Protein backbone atom coordinates (compact mmCIF):
# COMPACT_ATOMS: atom_id res chain seq x y z
CA MET A 1 -45.23 -11.59 21.60
CA ARG A 2 -48.30 -9.74 20.38
CA ARG A 3 -51.29 -11.59 18.99
CA LEU A 4 -52.55 -11.38 15.45
CA ARG A 5 -55.60 -9.15 15.40
CA GLN A 6 -58.22 -8.64 12.76
CA VAL A 7 -60.03 -5.44 11.92
CA PRO A 8 -63.68 -5.58 10.77
CA ALA A 9 -64.16 -7.05 7.32
CA ARG A 10 -65.29 -5.22 4.21
CA PRO A 11 -66.88 -6.83 1.12
CA ILE A 12 -64.62 -6.73 -1.92
CA ALA A 13 -65.75 -9.25 -4.54
CA THR A 14 -67.77 -12.33 -5.41
CA VAL A 15 -66.28 -15.72 -6.22
CA MET A 16 -67.23 -16.60 -9.80
CA ALA A 17 -65.18 -19.77 -10.07
CA VAL A 18 -63.99 -22.37 -7.60
CA GLY A 19 -60.46 -21.61 -6.45
CA TRP A 20 -60.62 -17.98 -7.56
CA ALA A 21 -58.92 -16.85 -4.34
CA ASP A 22 -55.88 -18.94 -5.20
CA LEU A 23 -55.32 -16.74 -8.27
CA VAL A 24 -55.09 -13.50 -6.29
CA MET A 25 -51.44 -12.84 -5.57
CA GLY A 26 -50.69 -12.04 -1.97
CA VAL A 27 -54.12 -13.06 -0.69
CA ARG A 28 -53.78 -15.58 2.10
CA VAL A 29 -55.77 -16.77 5.09
CA VAL A 30 -54.11 -16.79 8.49
CA PRO A 31 -56.26 -19.30 10.40
CA ARG A 32 -54.41 -19.13 13.71
CA PRO A 33 -51.61 -17.01 15.18
CA GLY A 34 -48.20 -18.58 14.99
CA ARG A 35 -49.09 -20.80 12.01
CA PRO A 36 -48.03 -20.17 8.41
CA ALA A 37 -50.48 -18.42 6.14
CA VAL A 38 -52.13 -20.83 3.71
CA PRO A 39 -54.11 -20.36 0.47
CA THR A 40 -57.86 -20.81 0.72
CA ARG A 41 -60.52 -22.16 -1.62
CA LEU A 42 -63.93 -20.57 -1.24
CA PRO A 43 -67.34 -21.93 -2.29
CA LEU A 44 -68.83 -20.90 -5.61
CA GLY A 45 -71.02 -17.82 -5.17
CA SER A 46 -69.38 -16.60 -2.00
CA SER A 47 -68.89 -12.92 -1.26
CA LEU A 48 -65.34 -12.14 -0.26
CA PHE A 49 -64.77 -10.04 2.83
CA MET A 50 -61.33 -8.58 3.39
CA SER A 51 -59.80 -7.70 6.72
CA VAL A 52 -56.27 -6.86 7.77
CA VAL A 53 -54.27 -8.72 10.39
CA ARG A 54 -51.87 -6.51 12.28
CA GLY A 55 -49.61 -6.86 15.29
CA ALA A 56 -47.69 -10.06 14.58
CA GLY A 57 -44.29 -8.56 15.35
CA GLU A 58 -40.90 -9.10 13.78
CA ASP A 59 -40.37 -12.30 15.73
CA GLU A 60 -43.05 -13.96 13.58
CA GLY A 61 -41.37 -12.96 10.35
CA PHE A 62 -43.80 -10.31 9.14
CA GLY A 63 -41.44 -7.37 9.36
CA ALA A 64 -41.52 -4.24 11.49
CA ASP A 65 -44.98 -3.16 10.27
CA PRO A 66 -46.77 -6.46 9.64
CA CYS A 67 -49.87 -6.55 7.51
CA SER A 68 -51.55 -9.63 6.05
CA VAL A 69 -54.81 -9.93 4.15
CA VAL A 70 -57.54 -12.23 5.42
CA LEU A 71 -60.56 -13.27 3.37
CA ARG A 72 -63.93 -14.10 4.86
CA SER A 73 -66.66 -15.65 2.77
CA VAL A 74 -70.38 -14.99 3.03
CA PRO A 75 -72.46 -17.24 0.74
CA ILE A 76 -75.08 -15.56 -1.39
CA GLY A 77 -78.58 -16.86 -0.68
CA GLN A 78 -80.02 -19.52 -2.93
CA ASP A 79 -82.52 -17.00 -4.30
CA GLY A 80 -79.75 -14.55 -5.13
CA TYR A 81 -80.19 -12.52 -1.93
CA VAL A 82 -76.98 -10.72 -0.96
CA PRO A 83 -76.75 -9.76 2.74
CA ALA A 84 -76.11 -6.17 3.73
CA PRO A 85 -72.59 -5.84 5.22
CA LEU A 86 -72.49 -6.09 8.99
CA PRO A 87 -70.92 -2.99 10.57
CA LEU A 88 -68.82 -3.78 13.65
CA LEU A 89 -66.71 -1.16 15.38
CA GLY A 90 -64.15 -1.31 18.16
CA ARG A 91 -60.67 -2.73 18.03
CA HIS A 92 -61.37 -5.22 20.82
CA GLN A 93 -63.86 -7.17 18.63
CA VAL A 94 -66.36 -7.36 21.50
CA VAL A 95 -70.13 -6.86 21.18
CA LEU A 96 -71.83 -5.70 24.38
CA SER A 97 -75.47 -5.90 25.45
CA LEU A 98 -76.84 -2.85 27.24
CA PRO A 99 -79.17 -3.58 30.17
CA GLU A 100 -82.74 -2.31 30.17
CA LEU A 101 -82.37 1.01 31.97
CA GLY A 102 -83.46 4.57 31.38
CA ILE A 103 -81.62 6.78 28.94
CA ASP A 104 -80.24 8.82 31.86
CA GLU A 105 -78.28 5.75 33.00
CA LEU A 106 -77.34 4.57 29.53
CA LEU A 107 -75.80 7.82 28.31
CA PRO A 108 -72.97 8.09 30.87
CA ALA A 109 -72.36 4.33 30.65
CA GLY A 110 -72.12 4.64 26.88
CA GLU A 111 -69.49 7.33 27.23
CA VAL A 112 -67.36 4.98 29.35
CA LEU A 113 -67.78 2.20 26.77
CA ALA A 114 -66.73 4.53 23.96
CA GLN A 115 -63.71 5.80 25.90
CA GLU A 116 -62.54 2.22 26.52
CA GLY A 117 -62.91 1.28 22.84
CA PHE A 118 -66.10 -0.80 22.98
CA LEU A 119 -68.15 0.60 20.11
CA THR A 120 -70.66 -2.11 19.14
CA TRP A 121 -73.73 -2.29 21.40
CA VAL A 122 -76.98 -4.23 21.40
CA LEU A 123 -80.32 -3.23 22.90
CA THR A 124 -83.16 -5.64 23.64
CA THR A 125 -86.37 -5.44 21.64
CA ASP A 126 -88.11 -4.01 24.72
CA ALA A 127 -85.54 -1.20 24.95
CA MET A 128 -85.23 -0.26 21.28
CA ASP A 129 -87.15 2.97 21.86
CA ASP A 130 -83.93 4.30 23.46
CA LEU A 131 -82.04 3.80 20.21
CA PRO A 132 -82.77 7.22 18.64
CA ALA A 133 -81.54 9.05 21.75
CA LEU A 134 -78.35 6.99 21.86
CA ARG A 135 -77.71 7.57 18.16
CA SER A 136 -78.26 11.28 18.64
CA ALA A 137 -75.78 11.38 21.52
CA PHE A 138 -73.02 9.24 20.01
CA GLY A 139 -73.54 9.60 16.27
CA ARG A 140 -71.20 7.55 14.14
CA ARG A 141 -68.84 6.90 17.03
CA VAL A 142 -70.71 3.68 17.80
CA VAL A 143 -72.80 0.98 16.12
CA ILE A 144 -76.02 -0.01 17.87
CA GLY A 145 -78.12 -3.04 17.02
CA VAL A 146 -81.18 -4.78 18.44
CA GLY A 147 -80.97 -8.32 19.78
CA GLY A 148 -83.47 -11.01 20.63
CA VAL A 149 -85.49 -10.42 17.47
CA GLN A 150 -87.98 -13.19 16.68
CA ARG A 151 -90.56 -11.66 14.31
CA PRO A 152 -90.42 -9.71 11.04
CA ASP A 153 -92.31 -6.78 12.58
CA GLN A 154 -89.53 -6.41 15.15
CA VAL A 155 -87.00 -6.15 12.32
CA VAL A 156 -89.09 -3.39 10.75
CA ALA A 157 -89.42 -1.57 14.09
CA ALA A 158 -85.67 -1.75 14.69
CA ALA A 159 -84.98 -0.35 11.22
CA GLU A 160 -87.41 2.52 11.79
CA ARG A 161 -85.54 3.47 14.98
CA GLY A 162 -82.18 3.49 13.23
CA ALA A 163 -80.68 0.14 14.23
CA ALA A 164 -77.44 -0.70 12.44
CA PHE A 165 -78.25 -4.43 12.56
CA VAL A 166 -80.55 -6.93 14.25
CA CYS A 167 -79.78 -10.28 15.86
CA ALA A 168 -81.87 -13.40 16.38
CA ASP A 169 -80.89 -16.16 18.78
CA PHE A 170 -82.38 -18.79 16.50
CA LEU A 171 -82.23 -19.83 12.85
CA LEU A 172 -85.12 -17.71 11.54
CA PRO A 173 -84.52 -17.11 7.82
CA GLU A 174 -87.94 -15.46 7.46
CA LEU A 175 -86.44 -12.39 9.14
CA LEU A 176 -84.07 -11.74 6.24
CA SER A 177 -86.69 -10.34 3.88
CA ALA A 178 -88.29 -8.06 6.52
CA GLY A 179 -85.59 -5.41 6.16
CA PRO A 180 -83.56 -5.94 2.98
CA GLU A 181 -81.23 -3.00 3.72
CA LEU A 182 -80.66 -4.02 7.34
CA PRO A 183 -77.98 -6.59 8.22
CA VAL A 184 -79.57 -9.56 9.98
CA VAL A 185 -77.56 -11.88 12.23
CA LEU A 186 -79.12 -15.28 12.78
CA GLY A 187 -78.32 -17.79 15.51
CA GLY A 188 -77.20 -21.38 15.34
CA LEU A 189 -75.07 -23.93 17.14
CA THR A 190 -74.19 -26.85 14.92
CA PRO A 191 -72.09 -26.45 11.77
CA SER A 192 -75.15 -27.42 9.71
CA GLU A 193 -77.29 -24.70 11.33
CA LEU A 194 -74.59 -22.10 10.88
CA ARG A 195 -74.07 -23.02 7.24
CA SER A 196 -77.83 -22.99 6.60
CA GLY A 197 -78.12 -19.46 7.97
CA LEU A 198 -75.24 -18.22 5.86
CA GLU A 199 -76.66 -19.82 2.73
CA ALA A 200 -80.03 -18.24 3.46
CA GLY A 201 -78.36 -14.81 3.35
CA ALA A 202 -77.57 -13.86 6.95
CA ALA A 203 -75.02 -11.05 7.24
CA ALA A 204 -73.35 -13.11 9.97
CA MET A 205 -74.12 -16.01 12.26
CA GLN A 206 -73.87 -15.97 16.01
CA VAL A 207 -72.74 -19.22 17.59
CA VAL A 208 -75.09 -19.53 20.55
CA PRO A 209 -74.48 -20.77 23.16
CA ALA A 210 -70.78 -20.60 22.30
CA GLY A 211 -69.90 -22.28 25.60
CA ALA A 212 -71.14 -25.57 24.16
CA TYR A 213 -67.92 -25.77 22.14
CA ARG A 214 -64.70 -26.92 23.76
CA GLY A 215 -61.66 -27.83 21.72
CA GLU A 216 -63.72 -27.58 18.54
CA VAL A 217 -63.36 -23.79 18.70
CA GLN A 218 -60.10 -24.13 16.80
CA VAL A 219 -61.70 -25.82 13.80
CA LEU A 220 -65.23 -24.36 13.49
CA PRO A 221 -64.46 -21.09 11.61
CA GLU A 222 -62.08 -22.90 9.27
CA LEU A 223 -64.62 -25.68 8.68
CA LEU A 224 -67.18 -23.10 7.54
CA GLY A 225 -64.73 -21.20 5.34
CA PHE A 226 -64.02 -18.30 7.73
CA PRO A 227 -67.42 -16.57 7.48
CA MET A 228 -68.64 -13.75 9.71
CA LEU A 229 -69.07 -15.60 13.01
CA ILE A 230 -69.89 -14.03 16.38
CA ALA A 231 -69.34 -16.21 19.44
CA HIS A 232 -72.18 -15.44 21.90
CA GLY A 233 -72.20 -16.98 25.33
CA THR A 234 -70.86 -17.02 28.85
CA PHE A 235 -67.09 -17.21 28.83
CA THR A 236 -63.93 -15.66 30.24
CA PRO A 237 -61.72 -13.19 28.40
CA GLU A 238 -59.24 -16.02 27.84
CA ARG A 239 -61.88 -18.15 26.17
CA ALA A 240 -62.96 -15.17 24.10
CA ARG A 241 -59.40 -14.84 22.82
CA ASP A 242 -59.52 -18.50 21.77
CA TRP A 243 -62.51 -17.72 19.55
CA LEU A 244 -60.82 -14.70 17.98
CA ASP A 245 -57.59 -16.61 17.45
CA ALA A 246 -59.56 -19.34 15.68
CA GLY A 247 -61.00 -16.80 13.25
CA ALA A 248 -64.27 -15.56 14.78
CA THR A 249 -65.22 -12.03 13.74
CA ALA A 250 -66.20 -10.95 17.25
CA VAL A 251 -67.23 -12.23 20.66
CA TRP A 252 -70.40 -11.34 22.53
CA PRO A 253 -70.18 -12.11 26.27
CA ARG A 254 -73.66 -12.84 27.57
CA ARG A 255 -75.01 -10.35 30.12
CA LEU A 256 -71.57 -9.00 30.91
CA ILE A 257 -72.86 -5.58 31.96
CA GLY A 258 -75.32 -5.85 34.83
CA VAL A 259 -77.76 -3.22 36.06
CA GLU A 260 -75.80 -2.81 39.28
CA LEU A 261 -72.73 -1.58 37.38
CA LEU A 262 -74.67 1.30 35.85
CA THR A 263 -76.75 2.38 38.84
CA GLY A 264 -74.05 2.75 41.49
CA ALA A 265 -72.60 5.98 42.80
CA THR A 266 -69.83 5.84 40.18
CA LEU A 267 -69.04 3.92 37.01
CA GLY A 268 -65.67 2.76 38.31
CA GLY A 269 -66.83 -0.85 38.47
CA LEU A 270 -67.85 -0.75 34.82
CA ARG A 271 -64.52 0.68 33.73
CA SER A 272 -62.65 -1.94 35.77
CA LEU A 273 -64.65 -4.75 34.16
CA LEU A 274 -64.06 -3.43 30.67
CA ARG A 275 -60.32 -3.37 31.14
CA ASP A 276 -60.38 -7.16 31.57
CA TRP A 277 -62.00 -7.35 28.13
CA ARG A 278 -59.59 -5.14 26.23
CA LEU A 279 -58.70 -8.10 24.04
CA ALA A 280 -56.66 -6.04 21.58
CA ASP A 281 -54.22 -4.91 24.25
């Protein structure tokens, strides 16, 4: 049996009345594979994000070419700030950090990542000067962001170098106004922190460290109304699948790609590692 899989979300509307989603015929939320689709009620002032769930299979009653609509909600900030949509590419729903190496090592490694279907990358703030060269080499084939951002000037610097998004490990709402056109992902752990970041206007929230959650993985996305959540931490591919099955937008395995994988005689070790993380297969 194939798993339900979600493609990246796209903004489609804004909730103007409580329960508006219930009035849209055929719009349902599939919280977990193998469970019936259920209607959802979204908070007033939420932006609706639509994604498509494919791959259920006839044995789950969706027909030969299954396709169900999933809504994600992103609250509009209290001051009316609407977050820029977060672009995520790659059917495996995996975000990967690139180690701090020279562009000569990053370019061939990036080609392997692209070939294997991993198309969303993150550079550190110290390595963001490599971003223009990577964008020139790969163009719109990939999405490259900058992680570990802590100050507004770093947001500005990332935007100037062409970053598609920036990520902070902490709940730093002051970063949101530094680059209004740049999607900003904030960090949080508790449901209250995650909700606060979304209400402040974050394009998405990363759950960090995601390994702190055990069985609660199954209820966290639903508790928050299925927003754009990225699980960031140290976990196995099996645990990553648990997050995606629960409704997370993507997973971000911490320091998965080490320097040694990119500086050896070949990139065979990198390709072998990536095949364990082909979560859409």
